[in-house]
Amino acid sequence: MHYLVTIGYETDQQDRNGNSRLQKMKYVIEGESVEEVTIVAAKYGAGDVRNFELLSIVKMPIECTIDKKGTPEYYK
């Protein structure tokens, strides 16, 4: 299964209440469960120097992925 994961990274900007603003980035992560995807996303975010927060994880109903690496015949 593929999951759409939204991760919020802290920025130097602050909102009206003095809290750090988040820059929201979206990633597609493959995994067998939400738990596995959470672990993978946390490891991915830990590689960044900014503080981060997992904002959402949503299952994506993808049949297959068509890309240059997996199906190069469509890109000729």
Protein backbone atom coordinates (compact mmCIF):
# COMPACT_ATOMS: atom_id res chain seq x y z
CA MET A 1 0.00 0.00 0.00
CA HIS A 2 0.99 3.59 -0.51
CA TYR A 3 0.31 6.31 2.03
CA LEU A 4 0.33 10.09 1.68
CA VAL A 5 2.25 11.46 4.67
CA THR A 6 2.22 15.14 5.61
CA ILE A 7 5.18 16.27 7.70
CA GLY A 8 5.36 19.75 9.24
CA TYR A 9 8.83 21.22 9.61
CA GLU A 10 9.39 24.17 11.97
CA THR A 11 10.49 27.41 10.33
CA ASP A 12 12.10 30.57 11.74
CA GLN A 13 8.83 32.47 11.24
CA GLN A 14 6.37 32.81 14.08
CA ASP A 15 2.60 33.26 14.16
CA ARG A 16 0.75 35.90 16.19
CA ASN A 17 0.95 33.78 19.33
CA GLY A 18 4.73 33.36 19.09
CA ASN A 19 4.58 29.72 17.95
CA SER A 20 6.86 28.54 15.16
CA ARG A 21 5.13 28.20 11.79
CA LEU A 22 5.22 24.85 10.06
CA GLN A 23 6.23 24.24 6.46
CA LYS A 24 4.03 21.33 5.33
CA MET A 25 5.62 18.81 2.97
CA LYS A 26 3.87 15.76 1.48
CA TYR A 27 5.52 12.41 0.79
CA VAL A 28 4.29 9.13 -0.65
CA ILE A 29 5.60 6.25 1.45
CA GLU A 30 5.07 2.56 0.73
CA GLY A 31 4.30 0.29 3.66
CA GLU A 32 2.18 -2.61 4.89
CA SER A 33 0.52 -0.64 7.72
CA VAL A 34 0.12 2.82 9.20
CA GLU A 35 2.48 1.76 11.99
CA GLU A 36 5.24 0.84 9.52
CA VAL A 37 4.76 4.09 7.59
CA THR A 38 4.89 6.08 10.85
CA ILE A 39 8.23 4.48 11.73
CA VAL A 40 9.66 5.12 8.25
CA ALA A 41 8.44 8.74 8.23
CA ALA A 42 9.91 9.35 11.70
CA LYS A 43 13.28 8.00 10.60
CA TYR A 44 13.12 10.15 7.46
CA GLY A 45 12.28 13.28 9.47
CA ALA A 46 15.02 12.56 12.01
CA GLY A 47 17.58 13.00 9.21
CA ASP A 48 16.68 16.71 8.98
CA VAL A 49 18.13 19.35 11.30
CA ARG A 50 14.72 21.03 11.71
CA ASN A 51 12.16 19.90 14.24
CA PHE A 52 9.26 18.07 12.61
CA GLU A 53 5.81 16.74 13.35
CA LEU A 54 3.84 14.02 11.54
CA LEU A 55 0.59 15.80 10.69
CA SER A 56 -1.33 13.13 8.79
CA ILE A 57 -1.11 9.70 7.18
CA VAL A 58 -3.73 8.78 4.57
CA LYS A 59 -4.02 5.53 2.62
CA MET A 60 -3.76 6.09 -1.14
CA PRO A 61 -5.65 3.66 -3.40
CA ILE A 62 -2.89 3.31 -6.03
CA GLU A 63 -3.08 0.34 -8.40
CA CYS A 64 0.50 0.68 -9.63
CA THR A 65 3.24 3.26 -10.10
CA ILE A 66 4.27 4.16 -13.64
CA ASP A 67 7.73 5.72 -13.77
CA LYS A 68 10.87 5.74 -15.90
CA LYS A 69 12.63 3.21 -13.69
CA GLY A 70 9.87 0.60 -13.43
CA THR A 71 8.23 1.01 -16.85
CA PRO A 72 10.76 2.67 -19.19
CA GLU A 73 8.94 1.46 -22.33
CA TYR A 74 6.29 4.19 -21.88
CA TYR A 75 8.91 6.95 -21.89
CA LYS A 76 10.49 6.22 -25.28
